[in-house]
Amino acid sequence: MSEYSGPGAADRFLGTAHSGPAQWIQKIRHQPFCVLLLDEIEKASEEIFDVLLGVFDEGRLTDPWGRLTWFRSAVIIMTSNLGAAAAEPFGLSRSAAPAYDSEAAGFFRPEFYNRIDSVVTFKPLSDQTIRAIAIKELSELSRREGLEKQRLRLTWSEALVEKIAQAGFDPRYGARPLQRCIELMVVTPLSRWLVEHPQARDQTIEMDWVDNAVRIELASS
């Protein structure tokens, strides 16, 4: 929804005279039984919130050409990072985490917030989950075409997984930086190692984290 911020956001959201109704409106008309996802809704313009008032209230939307689109059979989900940067709980909440419903209520106008059926809070990723994601990404790396063509297998140490999990997790952005972290910490050094060892094939490559750097070597036979 960050694409629909600034002046003229509502016009872009609903469609233009040249192209007609927006693509998402056309899809709703053809498939009314659907799930509509509005990602990062807090980044949208106030104009968008005004447009959505009728959708959330009566389940109907009137486009600039006066045609109605019904949303009574659709499930609308809005995602938001509201409260993700808050360090202290709000109101009477006794939990260590912020009260995200209070954050949403303070951000949206009352007439908009009161039309939301439920505010669902997602718990932050646990250390165990971050480690599982790091292992999954390393497994995906081991299946890249260049490695499979040379019949090279990758193994990694717990120290490397732990370092990737620590460096690739951000309390605000979750595990999104993790892929970038793997590219910098593992993929780049591994690529250089492969260039320096063109004869390596049909072997196992061991990766470890030693002295603040990834150590890459062939497994001893």
C-alpha atoms as a PDB file:
ATOM      1  CA  MET A   1       0.000   0.000   0.000  1.00  0.00           C
ATOM      2  CA  SER A   2       3.028   2.292   0.076  1.00  0.00           C
ATOM      3  CA  GLU A   3       2.404   2.732  -3.660  1.00  0.00           C
ATOM      4  CA  TYR A   4      -0.792   4.583  -2.778  1.00  0.00           C
ATOM      5  CA  SER A   5       0.578   7.472  -0.745  1.00  0.00           C
ATOM      6  CA  GLY A   6       0.703  11.142  -1.567  1.00  0.00           C
ATOM      7  CA  PRO A   7      -1.625  13.273  -3.710  1.00  0.00           C
ATOM      8  CA  GLY A   8      -3.930  11.443  -6.089  1.00  0.00           C
ATOM      9  CA  ALA A   9      -3.582   8.154  -4.242  1.00  0.00           C
ATOM     10  CA  ALA A  10      -7.305   7.376  -4.412  1.00  0.00           C
ATOM     11  CA  ASP A  11      -7.388   7.897  -8.176  1.00  0.00           C
ATOM     12  CA  ARG A  12      -4.496   5.470  -8.672  1.00  0.00           C
ATOM     13  CA  PHE A  13      -6.087   3.011  -6.278  1.00  0.00           C
ATOM     14  CA  LEU A  14      -9.441   2.955  -8.072  1.00  0.00           C
ATOM     15  CA  GLY A  15      -8.201   3.215 -11.653  1.00  0.00           C
ATOM     16  CA  THR A  16      -7.788   5.785 -14.392  1.00  0.00           C
ATOM     17  CA  ALA A  17      -9.923   7.029 -17.249  1.00  0.00           C
ATOM     18  CA  HIS A  18      -7.444   5.523 -19.694  1.00  0.00           C
ATOM     19  CA  SER A  19      -7.190   2.016 -18.217  1.00  0.00           C
ATOM     20  CA  GLY A  20     -10.557   1.757 -16.500  1.00  0.00           C
ATOM     21  CA  PRO A  21     -11.084   0.219 -13.050  1.00  0.00           C
ATOM     22  CA  ALA A  22      -7.965  -0.952 -11.237  1.00  0.00           C
ATOM     23  CA  GLN A  23      -6.968  -4.551 -11.798  1.00  0.00           C
ATOM     24  CA  TRP A  24      -7.743  -5.584  -8.228  1.00  0.00           C
ATOM     25  CA  ILE A  25     -11.318  -4.258  -8.588  1.00  0.00           C
ATOM     26  CA  GLN A  26     -11.783  -6.215 -11.797  1.00  0.00           C
ATOM     27  CA  LYS A  27     -10.579  -9.384 -10.077  1.00  0.00           C
ATOM     28  CA  ILE A  28     -13.048  -8.871  -7.228  1.00  0.00           C
ATOM     29  CA  ARG A  29     -15.881  -8.574  -9.745  1.00  0.00           C
ATOM     30  CA  HIS A  30     -14.875 -11.795 -11.505  1.00  0.00           C
ATOM     31  CA  GLN A  31     -14.090 -13.712  -8.300  1.00  0.00           C
ATOM     32  CA  PRO A  32     -16.071 -12.266  -5.376  1.00  0.00           C
ATOM     33  CA  PHE A  33     -15.221 -15.232  -3.106  1.00  0.00           C
ATOM     34  CA  CYS A  34     -11.623 -14.292  -2.409  1.00  0.00           C
ATOM     35  CA  VAL A  35      -9.075 -12.948   0.050  1.00  0.00           C
ATOM     36  CA  LEU A  36      -7.943  -9.345  -0.499  1.00  0.00           C
ATOM     37  CA  LEU A  37      -4.583  -8.526   1.093  1.00  0.00           C
ATOM     38  CA  LEU A  38      -3.681  -4.877   1.746  1.00  0.00           C
ATOM     39  CA  ASP A  39      -0.038  -5.029   2.758  1.00  0.00           C
ATOM     40  CA  GLU A  40       1.431  -2.311   5.025  1.00  0.00           C
ATOM     41  CA  ILE A  41      -1.862  -0.455   5.174  1.00  0.00           C
ATOM     42  CA  GLU A  42      -0.466   2.263   7.456  1.00  0.00           C
ATOM     43  CA  LYS A  43       1.652   3.596   4.565  1.00  0.00           C
ATOM     44  CA  ALA A  44      -1.385   4.417   2.446  1.00  0.00           C
ATOM     45  CA  SER A  45      -2.785   7.931   2.085  1.00  0.00           C
ATOM     46  CA  GLU A  46      -5.742   9.141   4.121  1.00  0.00           C
ATOM     47  CA  GLU A  47      -7.664   9.158   0.844  1.00  0.00           C
ATOM     48  CA  ILE A  48      -7.418   5.367   0.736  1.00  0.00           C
ATOM     49  CA  PHE A  49      -8.899   5.078   4.216  1.00  0.00           C
ATOM     50  CA  ASP A  50     -11.856   7.185   3.059  1.00  0.00           C
ATOM     51  CA  VAL A  51     -12.356   4.887   0.074  1.00  0.00           C
ATOM     52  CA  LEU A  52     -12.300   1.800   2.293  1.00  0.00           C
ATOM     53  CA  LEU A  53     -14.877   3.093   4.776  1.00  0.00           C
ATOM     54  CA  GLY A  54     -17.769   1.998   2.576  1.00  0.00           C
ATOM     55  CA  VAL A  55     -16.113  -1.323   1.850  1.00  0.00           C
ATOM     56  CA  PHE A  56     -15.722  -2.143   5.533  1.00  0.00           C
ATOM     57  CA  ASP A  57     -19.190  -0.871   6.450  1.00  0.00           C
ATOM     58  CA  GLU A  58     -21.618  -2.000   3.743  1.00  0.00           C
ATOM     59  CA  GLY A  59     -19.293  -4.185   1.684  1.00  0.00           C
ATOM     60  CA  ARG A  60     -19.600  -1.998  -1.407  1.00  0.00           C
ATOM     61  CA  LEU A  61     -17.336   0.221  -3.460  1.00  0.00           C
ATOM     62  CA  THR A  62     -18.369   2.793  -6.047  1.00  0.00           C
ATOM     63  CA  ASP A  63     -15.711   3.450  -8.664  1.00  0.00           C
ATOM     64  CA  PRO A  64     -15.261   6.804 -10.474  1.00  0.00           C
ATOM     65  CA  TRP A  65     -17.631   5.575 -13.227  1.00  0.00           C
ATOM     66  CA  GLY A  66     -20.463   4.982 -10.767  1.00  0.00           C
ATOM     67  CA  ARG A  67     -20.307   1.191 -10.936  1.00  0.00           C
ATOM     68  CA  LEU A  68     -20.664  -0.879  -7.774  1.00  0.00           C
ATOM     69  CA  THR A  69     -18.334  -3.640  -6.644  1.00  0.00           C
ATOM     70  CA  TRP A  70     -19.518  -5.871  -3.802  1.00  0.00           C
ATOM     71  CA  PHE A  71     -17.147  -7.222  -1.152  1.00  0.00           C
ATOM     72  CA  ARG A  72     -19.656  -9.127   0.979  1.00  0.00           C
ATOM     73  CA  SER A  73     -18.110 -12.469   0.004  1.00  0.00           C
ATOM     74  CA  ALA A  74     -14.502 -11.347   0.369  1.00  0.00           C
ATOM     75  CA  VAL A  75     -12.190 -11.587   3.359  1.00  0.00           C
ATOM     76  CA  ILE A  76     -10.055  -8.458   3.670  1.00  0.00           C
ATOM     77  CA  ILE A  77      -6.752  -8.706   5.523  1.00  0.00           C
ATOM     78  CA  MET A  78      -4.561  -5.701   6.280  1.00  0.00           C
ATOM     79  CA  THR A  79      -0.996  -6.105   7.484  1.00  0.00           C
ATOM     80  CA  SER A  80       0.868  -3.450   9.411  1.00  0.00           C
ATOM     81  CA  ASN A  81       4.084  -2.851  11.326  1.00  0.00           C
ATOM     82  CA  LEU A  82       2.361  -0.525  13.780  1.00  0.00           C
ATOM     83  CA  GLY A  83       3.857  -1.010  17.231  1.00  0.00           C
ATOM     84  CA  ALA A  84       6.855  -2.993  15.969  1.00  0.00           C
ATOM     85  CA  ALA A  85       9.247  -0.245  17.052  1.00  0.00           C
ATOM     86  CA  ALA A  86       7.597   0.339  20.439  1.00  0.00           C
ATOM     87  CA  ALA A  87       9.787  -0.626  23.359  1.00  0.00           C
ATOM     88  CA  GLU A  88       7.266  -0.348  26.191  1.00  0.00           C
ATOM     89  CA  PRO A  89       3.763  -1.766  26.691  1.00  0.00           C
ATOM     90  CA  PHE A  90       0.799   0.576  26.246  1.00  0.00           C
ATOM     91  CA  GLY A  91      -2.133   1.283  28.510  1.00  0.00           C
ATOM     92  CA  LEU A  92      -2.932  -1.415  31.071  1.00  0.00           C
ATOM     93  CA  SER A  93      -1.153  -4.151  29.147  1.00  0.00           C
ATOM     94  CA  ARG A  94       1.096  -6.181  31.470  1.00  0.00           C
ATOM     95  CA  SER A  95       2.897  -8.080  28.732  1.00  0.00           C
ATOM     96  CA  ALA A  96       6.440  -7.268  27.719  1.00  0.00           C
ATOM     97  CA  ALA A  97       5.297  -6.729  24.129  1.00  0.00           C
ATOM     98  CA  PRO A  98       3.544  -3.571  22.915  1.00  0.00           C
ATOM     99  CA  ALA A  99      -0.266  -3.542  22.800  1.00  0.00           C
ATOM    100  CA  TYR A 100      -0.646  -3.576  19.028  1.00  0.00           C
ATOM    101  CA  ASP A 101      -4.410  -3.031  19.120  1.00  0.00           C
ATOM    102  CA  SER A 102      -3.787   0.190  21.063  1.00  0.00           C
ATOM    103  CA  GLU A 103      -1.238   1.234  18.452  1.00  0.00           C
ATOM    104  CA  ALA A 104      -3.765   0.607  15.665  1.00  0.00           C
ATOM    105  CA  ALA A 105      -6.520   2.445  17.545  1.00  0.00           C
ATOM    106  CA  GLY A 106      -4.229   5.448  17.999  1.00  0.00           C
ATOM    107  CA  PHE A 107      -3.150   5.528  14.366  1.00  0.00           C
ATOM    108  CA  PHE A 108      -6.434   5.101  12.483  1.00  0.00           C
ATOM    109  CA  ARG A 109      -9.410   7.421  12.785  1.00  0.00           C
ATOM    110  CA  PRO A 110     -12.137   6.031  15.077  1.00  0.00           C
ATOM    111  CA  GLU A 111     -14.631   5.569  12.225  1.00  0.00           C
ATOM    112  CA  PHE A 112     -12.057   3.467  10.345  1.00  0.00           C
ATOM    113  CA  TYR A 113     -10.778   1.460  13.301  1.00  0.00           C
ATOM    114  CA  ASN A 114     -14.298   0.639  14.495  1.00  0.00           C
ATOM    115  CA  ARG A 115     -15.021  -1.052  11.176  1.00  0.00           C
ATOM    116  CA  ILE A 116     -12.164  -3.546  11.658  1.00  0.00           C
ATOM    117  CA  ASP A 117     -13.509  -6.862  12.939  1.00  0.00           C
ATOM    118  CA  SER A 118     -10.356  -8.029  14.680  1.00  0.00           C
ATOM    119  CA  VAL A 119      -6.730  -7.073  15.318  1.00  0.00           C
ATOM    120  CA  VAL A 120      -4.534 -10.175  15.195  1.00  0.00           C
ATOM    121  CA  THR A 121      -1.090  -9.912  16.794  1.00  0.00           C
ATOM    122  CA  PHE A 122       1.752 -12.034  15.491  1.00  0.00           C
ATOM    123  CA  LYS A 123       4.415 -12.937  18.033  1.00  0.00           C
ATOM    124  CA  PRO A 124       8.038 -12.112  17.217  1.00  0.00           C
ATOM    125  CA  LEU A 125      10.090 -14.917  15.707  1.00  0.00           C
ATOM    126  CA  SER A 126      11.815 -17.091  18.281  1.00  0.00           C
ATOM    127  CA  ASP A 127      15.530 -17.927  18.242  1.00  0.00           C
ATOM    128  CA  GLN A 128      14.689 -21.484  17.260  1.00  0.00           C
ATOM    129  CA  THR A 129      12.618 -20.289  14.296  1.00  0.00           C
ATOM    130  CA  ILE A 130      15.369 -17.947  13.104  1.00  0.00           C
ATOM    131  CA  ARG A 131      17.871 -20.798  13.231  1.00  0.00           C
ATOM    132  CA  ALA A 132      15.483 -23.017  11.267  1.00  0.00           C
ATOM    133  CA  ILE A 133      15.151 -20.320   8.594  1.00  0.00           C
ATOM    134  CA  ALA A 134      18.940 -19.947   8.422  1.00  0.00           C
ATOM    135  CA  ILE A 135      19.353 -23.702   7.919  1.00  0.00           C
ATOM    136  CA  LYS A 136      16.657 -23.687   5.241  1.00  0.00           C
ATOM    137  CA  GLU A 137      18.429 -20.895   3.344  1.00  0.00           C
ATOM    138  CA  LEU A 138      21.754 -22.738   3.558  1.00  0.00           C
ATOM    139  CA  SER A 139      20.052 -25.865   2.243  1.00  0.00           C
ATOM    140  CA  GLU A 140      18.699 -23.865  -0.693  1.00  0.00           C
ATOM    141  CA  LEU A 141      22.220 -22.576  -1.340  1.00  0.00           C
ATOM    142  CA  SER A 142      23.573 -26.124  -1.516  1.00  0.00           C
ATOM    143  CA  ARG A 143      21.105 -26.900  -4.321  1.00  0.00           C
ATOM    144  CA  ARG A 144      22.248 -24.123  -6.640  1.00  0.00           C
ATOM    145  CA  GLU A 145      23.001 -25.180 -10.177  1.00  0.00           C
ATOM    146  CA  GLY A 146      26.735 -24.454 -10.087  1.00  0.00           C
ATOM    147  CA  LEU A 147      27.293 -26.651  -7.039  1.00  0.00           C
ATOM    148  CA  GLU A 148      25.113 -29.479  -8.308  1.00  0.00           C
ATOM    149  CA  LYS A 149      26.881 -29.440 -11.672  1.00  0.00           C
ATOM    150  CA  GLN A 150      30.221 -29.950  -9.930  1.00  0.00           C
ATOM    151  CA  ARG A 151      28.595 -32.490  -7.571  1.00  0.00           C
ATOM    152  CA  LEU A 152      29.698 -30.405  -4.594  1.00  0.00           C
ATOM    153  CA  ARG A 153      27.921 -30.844  -1.298  1.00  0.00           C
ATOM    154  CA  LEU A 154      27.811 -28.240   1.478  1.00  0.00           C
ATOM    155  CA  THR A 155      27.940 -28.801   5.204  1.00  0.00           C
ATOM    156  CA  TRP A 156      27.990 -26.119   7.868  1.00  0.00           C
ATOM    157  CA  SER A 157      28.779 -25.863  11.538  1.00  0.00           C
ATOM    158  CA  GLU A 158      26.519 -24.818  14.380  1.00  0.00           C
ATOM    159  CA  ALA A 159      28.748 -21.780  14.879  1.00  0.00           C
ATOM    160  CA  LEU A 160      28.010 -20.584  11.344  1.00  0.00           C
ATOM    161  CA  VAL A 161      24.267 -21.110  11.755  1.00  0.00           C
ATOM    162  CA  GLU A 162      24.333 -19.230  15.054  1.00  0.00           C
ATOM    163  CA  LYS A 163      26.236 -16.301  13.529  1.00  0.00           C
ATOM    164  CA  ILE A 164      23.869 -16.071  10.559  1.00  0.00           C
ATOM    165  CA  ALA A 165      20.850 -16.195  12.879  1.00  0.00           C
ATOM    166  CA  GLN A 166      22.248 -13.374  15.015  1.00  0.00           C
ATOM    167  CA  ALA A 167      23.365 -11.137  12.157  1.00  0.00           C
ATOM    168  CA  GLY A 168      20.319 -11.782   9.959  1.00  0.00           C
ATOM    169  CA  PHE A 169      17.593 -11.005  12.480  1.00  0.00           C
ATOM    170  CA  ASP A 170      16.234  -7.558  13.261  1.00  0.00           C
ATOM    171  CA  PRO A 171      13.575  -7.021  15.958  1.00  0.00           C
ATOM    172  CA  ARG A 172      11.702  -4.608  13.691  1.00  0.00           C
ATOM    173  CA  TYR A 173      12.072  -6.301  10.298  1.00  0.00           C
ATOM    174  CA  GLY A 174      12.160  -9.903  11.458  1.00  0.00           C
ATOM    175  CA  ALA A 175      14.089 -12.340   9.258  1.00  0.00           C
ATOM    176  CA  ARG A 176      13.995 -10.218   6.100  1.00  0.00           C
ATOM    177  CA  PRO A 177      17.706  -9.225   6.352  1.00  0.00           C
ATOM    178  CA  LEU A 178      18.700 -12.890   6.656  1.00  0.00           C
ATOM    179  CA  GLN A 179      19.014 -13.583   2.918  1.00  0.00           C
ATOM    180  CA  ARG A 180      21.166 -10.494   2.437  1.00  0.00           C
ATOM    181  CA  CYS A 181      23.287 -11.601   5.375  1.00  0.00           C
ATOM    182  CA  ILE A 182      23.852 -15.046   3.818  1.00  0.00           C
ATOM    183  CA  GLU A 183      24.796 -13.471   0.497  1.00  0.00           C
ATOM    184  CA  LEU A 184      27.457 -11.313   2.176  1.00  0.00           C
ATOM    185  CA  MET A 185      28.752 -13.751   4.777  1.00  0.00           C
ATOM    186  CA  VAL A 186      28.546 -17.054   2.886  1.00  0.00           C
ATOM    187  CA  VAL A 187      27.769 -16.770  -0.825  1.00  0.00           C
ATOM    188  CA  THR A 188      30.442 -14.192  -1.662  1.00  0.00           C
ATOM    189  CA  PRO A 189      33.301 -16.007   0.149  1.00  0.00           C
ATOM    190  CA  LEU A 190      32.094 -19.336  -1.262  1.00  0.00           C
ATOM    191  CA  SER A 191      32.087 -17.918  -4.803  1.00  0.00           C
ATOM    192  CA  ARG A 192      35.649 -16.692  -4.382  1.00  0.00           C
ATOM    193  CA  TRP A 193      36.700 -20.068  -2.999  1.00  0.00           C
ATOM    194  CA  LEU A 194      35.181 -21.880  -5.984  1.00  0.00           C
ATOM    195  CA  VAL A 195      37.044 -19.592  -8.399  1.00  0.00           C
ATOM    196  CA  GLU A 196      40.302 -20.320  -6.571  1.00  0.00           C
ATOM    197  CA  HIS A 197      39.622 -24.089  -6.564  1.00  0.00           C
ATOM    198  CA  PRO A 198      38.277 -24.895 -10.052  1.00  0.00           C
ATOM    199  CA  GLN A 199      39.400 -28.518  -9.702  1.00  0.00           C
ATOM    200  CA  ALA A 200      37.008 -29.191  -6.815  1.00  0.00           C
ATOM    201  CA  ARG A 201      34.265 -31.617  -7.816  1.00  0.00           C
ATOM    202  CA  ASP A 202      32.376 -34.553  -6.365  1.00  0.00           C
ATOM    203  CA  GLN A 203      33.435 -33.554  -2.857  1.00  0.00           C
ATOM    204  CA  THR A 204      32.031 -32.120   0.352  1.00  0.00           C
ATOM    205  CA  ILE A 205      32.728 -28.516   1.315  1.00  0.00           C
ATOM    206  CA  GLU A 206      32.765 -27.727   5.013  1.00  0.00           C
ATOM    207  CA  MET A 207      31.902 -24.220   6.175  1.00  0.00           C
ATOM    208  CA  ASP A 208      32.583 -22.872   9.651  1.00  0.00           C
ATOM    209  CA  TRP A 209      32.696 -19.513  11.424  1.00  0.00           C
ATOM    210  CA  VAL A 210      36.174 -18.876  12.813  1.00  0.00           C
ATOM    211  CA  ASP A 211      37.801 -15.593  13.862  1.00  0.00           C
ATOM    212  CA  ASN A 212      34.893 -13.454  12.623  1.00  0.00           C
ATOM    213  CA  ALA A 213      34.952 -14.914   9.125  1.00  0.00           C
ATOM    214  CA  VAL A 214      33.644 -17.928   7.292  1.00  0.00           C
ATOM    215  CA  ARG A 215      36.193 -20.700   6.848  1.00  0.00           C
ATOM    216  CA  ILE A 216      35.744 -22.905   3.774  1.00  0.00           C
ATOM    217  CA  GLU A 217      37.624 -26.107   3.147  1.00  0.00           C
ATOM    218  CA  LEU A 218      37.198 -29.519   1.617  1.00  0.00           C
ATOM    219  CA  ALA A 219      36.180 -32.306   3.953  1.00  0.00           C
ATOM    220  CA  SER A 220      38.996 -34.713   4.683  1.00  0.00           C
ATOM    221  CA  SER A 221      38.524 -38.106   3.109  1.00  0.00           C
END
